[in-house]
Amino acid sequence: VNTQRKLVASLTDRRLRFLQETIMGIRVVKYFAWEEIFTARLQAYRDEELKNVRKLMLLASWNTVLNVAIPAFSGVIGFVMHSRNGRRLEES
C-alpha cells in the first residue's frame, strides 16, 4: 500500500507540474493552437493517475476487510476446534 501511495503521489506531481508549465506558457499554446494536444496529454496523465488511485483504494479496502474479518474468523475457528476436541462450551 505504501509503495502504491508513493506511485500515486509521483503521478499526481507529474500531472500538476505539466499543468503548471502549460498554464505558464498558455500564450504559446493558444498561439500555435495546441490546446487539443495538451488536453490529450493531460488526460493521459490523469487516466494513469486515476488507474493507480483506484488500485490504491482497492488495496486499502481489502486491508480494512481483512483487519475486521481475521479476528472474527479466528474466534470462530477457536470455538470449532474446542468443540471438535470433544470439549463442551460451559459458562464460567
PDB file of N, CA and C in Angstrom:
ATOM      1  N   VAL A   1       0.834  -1.192   0.000  1.00  0.00           N
ATOM      2  CA  VAL A   1       0.000   0.000   0.000  1.00  0.00           C
ATOM      3  C   VAL A   1       0.877   1.255   0.000  1.00  0.00           C
ATOM      4  N   ASN A   2       1.954   1.224   0.781  1.00  0.00           N
ATOM      5  CA  ASN A   2       2.835   2.389   0.858  1.00  0.00           C
ATOM      6  C   ASN A   2       3.506   2.657  -0.485  1.00  0.00           C
ATOM      7  N   THR A   3       3.924   1.598  -1.168  1.00  0.00           N
ATOM      8  CA  THR A   3       4.548   1.756  -2.484  1.00  0.00           C
ATOM      9  C   THR A   3       3.552   2.343  -3.474  1.00  0.00           C
ATOM     10  N   GLN A   4       2.323   1.874  -3.399  1.00  0.00           N
ATOM     11  CA  GLN A   4       1.281   2.385  -4.290  1.00  0.00           C
ATOM     12  C   GLN A   4       0.998   3.856  -4.006  1.00  0.00           C
ATOM     13  N   ARG A   5       1.019   4.246  -2.736  1.00  0.00           N
ATOM     14  CA  ARG A   5       0.811   5.663  -2.384  1.00  0.00           C
ATOM     15  C   ARG A   5       1.915   6.535  -2.970  1.00  0.00           C
ATOM     16  N   LYS A   6       3.145   6.054  -2.878  1.00  0.00           N
ATOM     17  CA  LYS A   6       4.266   6.825  -3.442  1.00  0.00           C
ATOM     18  C   LYS A   6       4.121   6.958  -4.951  1.00  0.00           C
ATOM     19  N   LEU A   7       3.667   5.877  -5.606  1.00  0.00           N
ATOM     20  CA  LEU A   7       3.466   5.925  -7.055  1.00  0.00           C
ATOM     21  C   LEU A   7       2.380   6.939  -7.407  1.00  0.00           C
ATOM     22  N   VAL A   8       1.269   6.917  -6.690  1.00  0.00           N
ATOM     23  CA  VAL A   8       0.177   7.862  -6.951  1.00  0.00           C
ATOM     24  C   VAL A   8       0.652   9.293  -6.713  1.00  0.00           C
ATOM     25  N   ALA A   9       1.428   9.511  -5.659  1.00  0.00           N
ATOM     26  CA  ALA A   9       1.942  10.862  -5.383  1.00  0.00           C
ATOM     27  C   ALA A   9       2.853  11.342  -6.506  1.00  0.00           C
ATOM     28  N   SER A  10       3.704  10.470  -7.021  1.00  0.00           N
ATOM     29  CA  SER A  10       4.598  10.883  -8.104  1.00  0.00           C
ATOM     30  C   SER A  10       3.812  11.160  -9.386  1.00  0.00           C
ATOM     31  N   LEU A  11       2.773  10.365  -9.651  1.00  0.00           N
ATOM     32  CA  LEU A  11       1.949  10.609 -10.839  1.00  0.00           C
ATOM     33  C   LEU A  11       1.175  11.918 -10.705  1.00  0.00           C
ATOM     34  N   THR A  12       0.683  12.198  -9.517  1.00  0.00           N
ATOM     35  CA  THR A  12      -0.021  13.467  -9.285  1.00  0.00           C
ATOM     36  C   THR A  12       0.932  14.641  -9.458  1.00  0.00           C
ATOM     37  N   ASP A  13       2.139  14.510  -8.917  1.00  0.00           N
ATOM     38  CA  ASP A  13       3.138  15.577  -9.073  1.00  0.00           C
ATOM     39  C   ASP A  13       3.462  15.815 -10.533  1.00  0.00           C
ATOM     40  N   ARG A  14       3.591  14.727 -11.309  1.00  0.00           N
ATOM     41  CA  ARG A  14       3.909  14.861 -12.731  1.00  0.00           C
ATOM     42  C   ARG A  14       2.788  15.594 -13.459  1.00  0.00           C
ATOM     43  N   ARG A  15       1.537  15.217 -13.173  1.00  0.00           N
ATOM     44  CA  ARG A  15       0.399  15.847 -13.820  1.00  0.00           C
ATOM     45  C   ARG A  15       0.307  17.328 -13.447  1.00  0.00           C
ATOM     46  N   LEU A  16       0.479  17.638 -12.170  1.00  0.00           N
ATOM     47  CA  LEU A  16       0.391  19.033 -11.732  1.00  0.00           C
ATOM     48  C   LEU A  16       1.543  19.881 -12.278  1.00  0.00           C
ATOM     49  N   ARG A  17       2.728  19.288 -12.359  1.00  0.00           N
ATOM     50  CA  ARG A  17       3.865  20.011 -12.939  1.00  0.00           C
ATOM     51  C   ARG A  17       3.591  20.338 -14.405  1.00  0.00           C
ATOM     52  N   PHE A  18       3.057  19.345 -15.149  1.00  0.00           N
ATOM     53  CA  PHE A  18       2.722  19.567 -16.560  1.00  0.00           C
ATOM     54  C   PHE A  18       1.658  20.652 -16.693  1.00  0.00           C
ATOM     55  N   LEU A  19       0.636  20.602 -15.823  1.00  0.00           N
ATOM     56  CA  LEU A  19      -0.426  21.587 -15.875  1.00  0.00           C
ATOM     57  C   LEU A  19       0.096  22.984 -15.559  1.00  0.00           C
ATOM     58  N   GLN A  20       0.968  23.082 -14.575  1.00  0.00           N
ATOM     59  CA  GLN A  20       1.537  24.377 -14.214  1.00  0.00           C
ATOM     60  C   GLN A  20       2.382  24.944 -15.362  1.00  0.00           C
ATOM     61  N   GLU A  21       3.183  24.097 -15.985  1.00  0.00           N
ATOM     62  CA  GLU A  21       4.001  24.562 -17.114  1.00  0.00           C
ATOM     63  C   GLU A  21       3.122  24.985 -18.280  1.00  0.00           C
ATOM     64  N   THR A  22       2.020  24.274 -18.497  1.00  0.00           N
ATOM     65  CA  THR A  22       1.106  24.633 -19.575  1.00  0.00           C
ATOM     66  C   THR A  22       0.457  25.983 -19.296  1.00  0.00           C
ATOM     67  N   ILE A  23       0.048  26.187 -18.065  1.00  0.00           N
ATOM     68  CA  ILE A  23      -0.577  27.464 -17.712  1.00  0.00           C
ATOM     69  C   ILE A  23       0.425  28.611 -17.851  1.00  0.00           C
ATOM     70  N   MET A  24       1.670  28.363 -17.457  1.00  0.00           N
ATOM     71  CA  MET A  24       2.693  29.405 -17.585  1.00  0.00           C
ATOM     72  C   MET A  24       2.940  29.763 -19.052  1.00  0.00           C
ATOM     73  N   GLY A  25       2.806  28.799 -19.947  1.00  0.00           N
ATOM     74  CA  GLY A  25       3.047  29.062 -21.367  1.00  0.00           C
ATOM     75  C   GLY A  25       1.775  29.059 -22.184  1.00  0.00           C
ATOM     76  N   ILE A  26       0.669  29.470 -21.593  1.00  0.00           N
ATOM     77  CA  ILE A  26      -0.626  29.387 -22.263  1.00  0.00           C
ATOM     78  C   ILE A  26      -0.679  30.240 -23.533  1.00  0.00           C
ATOM     79  N   ARG A  27       0.049  31.333 -23.560  1.00  0.00           N
ATOM     80  CA  ARG A  27       0.050  32.176 -24.767  1.00  0.00           C
ATOM     81  C   ARG A  27       0.627  31.427 -25.958  1.00  0.00           C
ATOM     82  N   VAL A  28       1.691  30.686 -25.724  1.00  0.00           N
ATOM     83  CA  VAL A  28       2.303  29.907 -26.809  1.00  0.00           C
ATOM     84  C   VAL A  28       1.356  28.796 -27.248  1.00  0.00           C
ATOM     85  N   VAL A  29       0.750  28.146 -26.287  1.00  0.00           N
ATOM     86  CA  VAL A  29      -0.192  27.070 -26.602  1.00  0.00           C
ATOM     87  C   VAL A  29      -1.345  27.606 -27.442  1.00  0.00           C
ATOM     88  N   LYS A  30      -1.900  28.739 -27.042  1.00  0.00           N
ATOM     89  CA  LYS A  30      -3.007  29.344 -27.791  1.00  0.00           C
ATOM     90  C   LYS A  30      -2.550  29.841 -29.167  1.00  0.00           C
ATOM     91  N   TYR A  31      -1.356  30.426 -29.224  1.00  0.00           N
ATOM     92  CA  TYR A  31      -0.855  30.976 -30.481  1.00  0.00           C
ATOM     93  C   TYR A  31      -0.712  29.895 -31.550  1.00  0.00           C
ATOM     94  N   PHE A  32      -0.190  28.735 -31.152  1.00  0.00           N
ATOM     95  CA  PHE A  32       0.011  27.650 -32.109  1.00  0.00           C
ATOM     96  C   PHE A  32      -1.166  26.668 -32.156  1.00  0.00           C
ATOM     97  N   ALA A  33      -2.245  26.961 -31.426  1.00  0.00           N
ATOM     98  CA  ALA A  33      -3.461  26.137 -31.390  1.00  0.00           C
ATOM     99  C   ALA A  33      -3.147  24.700 -30.975  1.00  0.00           C
ATOM    100  N   TRP A  34      -2.387  24.573 -29.886  1.00  0.00           N
ATOM    101  CA  TRP A  34      -2.004  23.259 -29.369  1.00  0.00           C
ATOM    102  C   TRP A  34      -2.923  22.791 -28.235  1.00  0.00           C
ATOM    103  N   GLU A  35      -4.080  23.408 -28.108  1.00  0.00           N
ATOM    104  CA  GLU A  35      -4.965  23.076 -26.985  1.00  0.00           C
ATOM    105  C   GLU A  35      -5.320  21.591 -26.957  1.00  0.00           C
ATOM    106  N   GLU A  36      -5.682  21.033 -28.105  1.00  0.00           N
ATOM    107  CA  GLU A  36      -6.083  19.624 -28.157  1.00  0.00           C
ATOM    108  C   GLU A  36      -4.932  18.693 -27.789  1.00  0.00           C
ATOM    109  N   ILE A  37      -3.743  19.030 -28.252  1.00  0.00           N
ATOM    110  CA  ILE A  37      -2.570  18.193 -27.955  1.00  0.00           C
ATOM    111  C   ILE A  37      -2.296  18.193 -26.451  1.00  0.00           C
ATOM    112  N   PHE A  38      -2.317  19.373 -25.862  1.00  0.00           N
ATOM    113  CA  PHE A  38      -2.031  19.472 -24.433  1.00  0.00           C
ATOM    114  C   PHE A  38      -3.164  18.873 -23.603  1.00  0.00           C
ATOM    115  N   THR A  39      -4.388  19.027 -24.055  1.00  0.00           N
ATOM    116  CA  THR A  39      -5.520  18.426 -23.349  1.00  0.00           C
ATOM    117  C   THR A  39      -5.430  16.906 -23.388  1.00  0.00           C
ATOM    118  N   ALA A  40      -5.055  16.357 -24.538  1.00  0.00           N
ATOM    119  CA  ALA A  40      -4.920  14.900 -24.658  1.00  0.00           C
ATOM    120  C   ALA A  40      -3.794  14.378 -23.763  1.00  0.00           C
ATOM    121  N   ARG A  41      -2.684  15.091 -23.724  1.00  0.00           N
ATOM    122  CA  ARG A  41      -1.572  14.665 -22.871  1.00  0.00           C
ATOM    123  C   ARG A  41      -1.961  14.748 -21.392  1.00  0.00           C
ATOM    124  N   LEU A  42      -2.642  15.828 -21.024  1.00  0.00           N
ATOM    125  CA  LEU A  42      -3.094  15.976 -19.641  1.00  0.00           C
ATOM    126  C   LEU A  42      -4.093  14.880 -19.274  1.00  0.00           C
ATOM    127  N   GLN A  43      -4.985  14.540 -20.203  1.00  0.00           N
ATOM    128  CA  GLN A  43      -5.963  13.477 -19.947  1.00  0.00           C
ATOM    129  C   GLN A  43      -5.269  12.123 -19.799  1.00  0.00           C
ATOM    130  N   ALA A  44      -4.216  11.878 -20.576  1.00  0.00           N
ATOM    131  CA  ALA A  44      -3.468  10.622 -20.445  1.00  0.00           C
ATOM    132  C   ALA A  44      -2.807  10.535 -19.074  1.00  0.00           C
ATOM    133  N   TYR A  45      -2.226  11.641 -18.620  1.00  0.00           N
ATOM    134  CA  TYR A  45      -1.632  11.667 -17.275  1.00  0.00           C
ATOM    135  C   TYR A  45      -2.698  11.400 -16.215  1.00  0.00           C
ATOM    136  N   ARG A  46      -3.848  12.036 -16.383  1.00  0.00           N
ATOM    137  CA  ARG A  46      -4.927  11.885 -15.406  1.00  0.00           C
ATOM    138  C   ARG A  46      -5.475  10.452 -15.399  1.00  0.00           C
ATOM    139  N   ASP A  47      -5.615   9.856 -16.582  1.00  0.00           N
ATOM    140  CA  ASP A  47      -6.106   8.475 -16.665  1.00  0.00           C
ATOM    141  C   ASP A  47      -5.171   7.506 -15.947  1.00  0.00           C
ATOM    142  N   GLU A  48      -3.874   7.687 -16.164  1.00  0.00           N
ATOM    143  CA  GLU A  48      -2.902   6.822 -15.489  1.00  0.00           C
ATOM    144  C   GLU A  48      -2.951   7.026 -13.974  1.00  0.00           C
ATOM    145  N   GLU A  49      -3.078   8.288 -13.568  1.00  0.00           N
ATOM    146  CA  GLU A  49      -3.166   8.583 -12.141  1.00  0.00           C
ATOM    147  C   GLU A  49      -4.418   7.951 -11.523  1.00  0.00           C
ATOM    148  N   LEU A  50      -5.556   8.080 -12.187  1.00  0.00           N
ATOM    149  CA  LEU A  50      -6.804   7.522 -11.664  1.00  0.00           C
ATOM    150  C   LEU A  50      -6.768   6.000 -11.610  1.00  0.00           C
ATOM    151  N   LYS A  51      -6.121   5.383 -12.586  1.00  0.00           N
ATOM    152  CA  LYS A  51      -5.990   3.921 -12.572  1.00  0.00           C
ATOM    153  C   LYS A  51      -5.247   3.479 -11.315  1.00  0.00           C
ATOM    154  N   ASN A  52      -4.200   4.185 -10.975  1.00  0.00           N
ATOM    155  CA  ASN A  52      -3.419   3.835  -9.796  1.00  0.00           C
ATOM    156  C   ASN A  52      -4.122   4.232  -8.494  1.00  0.00           C
ATOM    157  N   VAL A  53      -4.912   5.303  -8.521  1.00  0.00           N
ATOM    158  CA  VAL A  53      -5.693   5.674  -7.339  1.00  0.00           C
ATOM    159  C   VAL A  53      -6.732   4.590  -7.061  1.00  0.00           C
ATOM    160  N   ARG A  54      -7.368   4.089  -8.113  1.00  0.00           N
ATOM    161  CA  ARG A  54      -8.348   3.004  -7.930  1.00  0.00           C
ATOM    162  C   ARG A  54      -7.676   1.766  -7.349  1.00  0.00           C
ATOM    163  N   LYS A  55      -6.499   1.445  -7.854  1.00  0.00           N
ATOM    164  CA  LYS A  55      -5.768   0.288  -7.336  1.00  0.00           C
ATOM    165  C   LYS A  55      -5.424   0.494  -5.861  1.00  0.00           C
ATOM    166  N   LEU A  56      -5.007   1.695  -5.507  1.00  0.00           N
ATOM    167  CA  LEU A  56      -4.694   2.010  -4.109  1.00  0.00           C
ATOM    168  C   LEU A  56      -5.927   1.871  -3.224  1.00  0.00           C
ATOM    169  N   MET A  57      -7.054   2.384  -3.690  1.00  0.00           N
ATOM    170  CA  MET A  57      -8.285   2.286  -2.909  1.00  0.00           C
ATOM    171  C   MET A  57      -8.731   0.833  -2.758  1.00  0.00           C
ATOM    172  N   LEU A  58      -8.540   0.028  -3.793  1.00  0.00           N
ATOM    173  CA  LEU A  58      -8.878  -1.390  -3.707  1.00  0.00           C
ATOM    174  C   LEU A  58      -8.003  -2.092  -2.675  1.00  0.00           C
ATOM    175  N   LEU A  59      -6.703  -1.811  -2.697  1.00  0.00           N
ATOM    176  CA  LEU A  59      -5.801  -2.398  -1.709  1.00  0.00           C
ATOM    177  C   LEU A  59      -6.160  -1.954  -0.292  1.00  0.00           C
ATOM    178  N   ALA A  60      -6.482  -0.689  -0.128  1.00  0.00           N
ATOM    179  CA  ALA A  60      -6.856  -0.184   1.198  1.00  0.00           C
ATOM    180  C   ALA A  60      -8.161  -0.818   1.670  1.00  0.00           C
ATOM    181  N   SER A  61      -9.102  -1.020   0.766  1.00  0.00           N
ATOM    182  CA  SER A  61     -10.367  -1.664   1.128  1.00  0.00           C
ATOM    183  C   SER A  61     -10.146  -3.105   1.567  1.00  0.00           C
ATOM    184  N   TRP A  62      -9.335  -3.845   0.816  1.00  0.00           N
ATOM    185  CA  TRP A  62      -9.038  -5.225   1.200  1.00  0.00           C
ATOM    186  C   TRP A  62      -8.305  -5.274   2.528  1.00  0.00           C
ATOM    187  N   ASN A  63      -7.449  -4.335   2.751  1.00  0.00           N
ATOM    188  CA  ASN A  63      -6.737  -4.268   4.022  1.00  0.00           C
ATOM    189  C   ASN A  63      -7.724  -4.088   5.179  1.00  0.00           C
ATOM    190  N   THR A  64      -8.692  -3.205   5.011  1.00  0.00           N
ATOM    191  CA  THR A  64      -9.700  -2.981   6.037  1.00  0.00           C
ATOM    192  C   THR A  64     -10.560  -4.226   6.246  1.00  0.00           C
ATOM    193  N   VAL A  65     -10.986  -4.851   5.158  1.00  0.00           N
ATOM    194  CA  VAL A  65     -11.804  -6.062   5.254  1.00  0.00           C
ATOM    195  C   VAL A  65     -11.064  -7.147   6.023  1.00  0.00           C
ATOM    196  N   LEU A  66      -9.810  -7.362   5.681  1.00  0.00           N
ATOM    197  CA  LEU A  66      -9.039  -8.406   6.354  1.00  0.00           C
ATOM    198  C   LEU A  66      -8.797  -8.070   7.825  1.00  0.00           C
ATOM    199  N   ASN A  67      -8.581  -6.808   8.129  1.00  0.00           N
ATOM    200  CA  ASN A  67      -8.374  -6.414   9.529  1.00  0.00           C
ATOM    201  C   ASN A  67      -9.618  -6.647  10.377  1.00  0.00           C
ATOM    202  N   VAL A  68     -10.780  -6.578   9.770  1.00  0.00           N
ATOM    203  CA  VAL A  68     -12.020  -6.822  10.503  1.00  0.00           C
ATOM    204  C   VAL A  68     -12.350  -8.309  10.520  1.00  0.00           C
ATOM    205  N   ALA A  69     -12.130  -8.998   9.408  1.00  0.00           N
ATOM    206  CA  ALA A  69     -12.566 -10.388   9.263  1.00  0.00           C
ATOM    207  C   ALA A  69     -11.666 -11.382   9.993  1.00  0.00           C
ATOM    208  N   ILE A  70     -10.382 -11.180  10.000  1.00  0.00           N
ATOM    209  CA  ILE A  70      -9.467 -12.163  10.586  1.00  0.00           C
ATOM    210  C   ILE A  70      -9.729 -12.381  12.082  1.00  0.00           C
ATOM    211  N   PRO A  71      -9.911 -11.360  12.891  1.00  0.00           N
ATOM    212  CA  PRO A  71     -10.226 -11.633  14.295  1.00  0.00           C
ATOM    213  C   PRO A  71     -11.540 -12.412  14.479  1.00  0.00           C
ATOM    214  N   ALA A  72     -12.536 -12.104  13.670  1.00  0.00           N
ATOM    215  CA  ALA A  72     -13.810 -12.821  13.774  1.00  0.00           C
ATOM    216  C   ALA A  72     -13.632 -14.281  13.385  1.00  0.00           C
ATOM    217  N   PHE A  73     -12.921 -14.541  12.312  1.00  0.00           N
ATOM    218  CA  PHE A  73     -12.684 -15.923  11.878  1.00  0.00           C
ATOM    219  C   PHE A  73     -11.837 -16.689  12.881  1.00  0.00           C
ATOM    220  N   SER A  74     -10.876 -16.031  13.479  1.00  0.00           N
ATOM    221  CA  SER A  74     -10.045 -16.741  14.452  1.00  0.00           C
ATOM    222  C   SER A  74     -10.861 -17.131  15.680  1.00  0.00           C
ATOM    223  N   GLY A  75     -11.816 -16.317  16.094  1.00  0.00           N
ATOM    224  CA  GLY A  75     -12.702 -16.682  17.198  1.00  0.00           C
ATOM    225  C   GLY A  75     -13.564 -17.878  16.846  1.00  0.00           C
ATOM    226  N   VAL A  76     -14.126 -17.873  15.639  1.00  0.00           N
ATOM    227  CA  VAL A  76     -14.947 -18.998  15.188  1.00  0.00           C
ATOM    228  C   VAL A  76     -14.106 -20.264  15.116  1.00  0.00           C
ATOM    229  N   ILE A  77     -12.922 -20.181  14.569  1.00  0.00           N
ATOM    230  CA  ILE A  77     -12.037 -21.345  14.470  1.00  0.00           C
ATOM    231  C   ILE A  77     -11.676 -21.862  15.857  1.00  0.00           C
ATOM    232  N   GLY A  78     -11.471 -20.959  16.794  1.00  0.00           N
ATOM    233  CA  GLY A  78     -11.180 -21.378  18.168  1.00  0.00           C
ATOM    234  C   GLY A  78     -12.331 -22.168  18.771  1.00  0.00           C
ATOM    235  N   PHE A  79     -13.567 -21.695  18.589  1.00  0.00           N
ATOM    236  CA  PHE A  79     -14.725 -22.414  19.104  1.00  0.00           C
ATOM    237  C   PHE A  79     -14.900 -23.768  18.411  1.00  0.00           C
ATOM    238  N   VAL A  80     -14.708 -23.807  17.116  1.00  0.00           N
ATOM    239  CA  VAL A  80     -14.843 -25.069  16.368  1.00  0.00           C
ATOM    240  C   VAL A  80     -13.800 -26.073  16.836  1.00  0.00           C
ATOM    241  N   MET A  81     -12.562 -25.648  16.954  1.00  0.00           N
ATOM    242  CA  MET A  81     -11.506 -26.569  17.391  1.00  0.00           C
ATOM    243  C   MET A  81     -11.762 -27.050  18.824  1.00  0.00           C
ATOM    244  N   HIS A  82     -12.260 -26.174  19.667  1.00  0.00           N
ATOM    245  CA  HIS A  82     -12.565 -26.541  21.046  1.00  0.00           C
ATOM    246  C   HIS A  82     -13.643 -27.625  21.084  1.00  0.00           C
ATOM    247  N   SER A  83     -14.695 -27.455  20.284  1.00  0.00           N
ATOM    248  CA  SER A  83     -15.770 -28.443  20.280  1.00  0.00           C
ATOM    249  C   SER A  83     -15.367 -29.717  19.543  1.00  0.00           C
ATOM    250  N   ARG A  84     -14.514 -29.634  18.549  1.00  0.00           N
ATOM    251  CA  ARG A  84     -14.049 -30.827  17.824  1.00  0.00           C
ATOM    252  C   ARG A  84     -13.172 -31.708  18.705  1.00  0.00           C
ATOM    253  N   ASN A  85     -12.521 -31.123  19.663  1.00  0.00           N
ATOM    254  CA  ASN A  85     -11.681 -31.899  20.576  1.00  0.00           C
ATOM    255  C   ASN A  85     -12.507 -32.566  21.670  1.00  0.00           C
ATOM    256  N   GLY A  86     -13.818 -32.516  21.543  1.00  0.00           N
ATOM    257  CA  GLY A  86     -14.693 -33.192  22.477  1.00  0.00           C
ATOM    258  C   GLY A  86     -14.996 -32.392  23.727  1.00  0.00           C
ATOM    259  N   ARG A  87     -14.610 -31.167  23.755  1.00  0.00           N
ATOM    260  CA  ARG A  87     -14.890 -30.336  24.938  1.00  0.00           C
ATOM    261  C   ARG A  87     -16.212 -29.629  24.758  1.00  0.00           C
ATOM    262  N   ARG A  88     -16.840 -29.337  25.846  1.00  0.00           N
ATOM    263  CA  ARG A  88     -18.111 -28.632  25.823  1.00  0.00           C
ATOM    264  C   ARG A  88     -17.879 -27.156  26.119  1.00  0.00           C
ATOM    265  N   LEU A  89     -18.727 -26.349  25.594  1.00  0.00           N
ATOM    266  CA  LEU A  89     -18.685 -24.926  25.923  1.00  0.00           C
ATOM    267  C   LEU A  89     -19.505 -24.712  27.179  1.00  0.00           C
ATOM    268  N   GLU A  90     -18.865 -24.287  28.222  1.00  0.00           N
ATOM    269  CA  GLU A  90     -19.542 -24.083  29.504  1.00  0.00           C
ATOM    270  C   GLU A  90     -19.363 -22.625  29.912  1.00  0.00           C
ATOM    271  N   GLU A  91     -20.389 -22.129  30.582  1.00  0.00           N
ATOM    272  CA  GLU A  91     -20.283 -20.767  31.066  1.00  0.00           C
ATOM    273  C   GLU A  91     -19.414 -20.723  32.309  1.00  0.00           C
ATOM    274  N   SER A  92     -18.797 -19.630  32.531  1.00  0.00           N
ATOM    275  CA  SER A  92     -17.880 -19.505  33.660  1.00  0.00           C
ATOM    276  C   SER A  92     -18.590 -19.293  34.959  1.00  0.00           C
TER     277      SER A  92
END
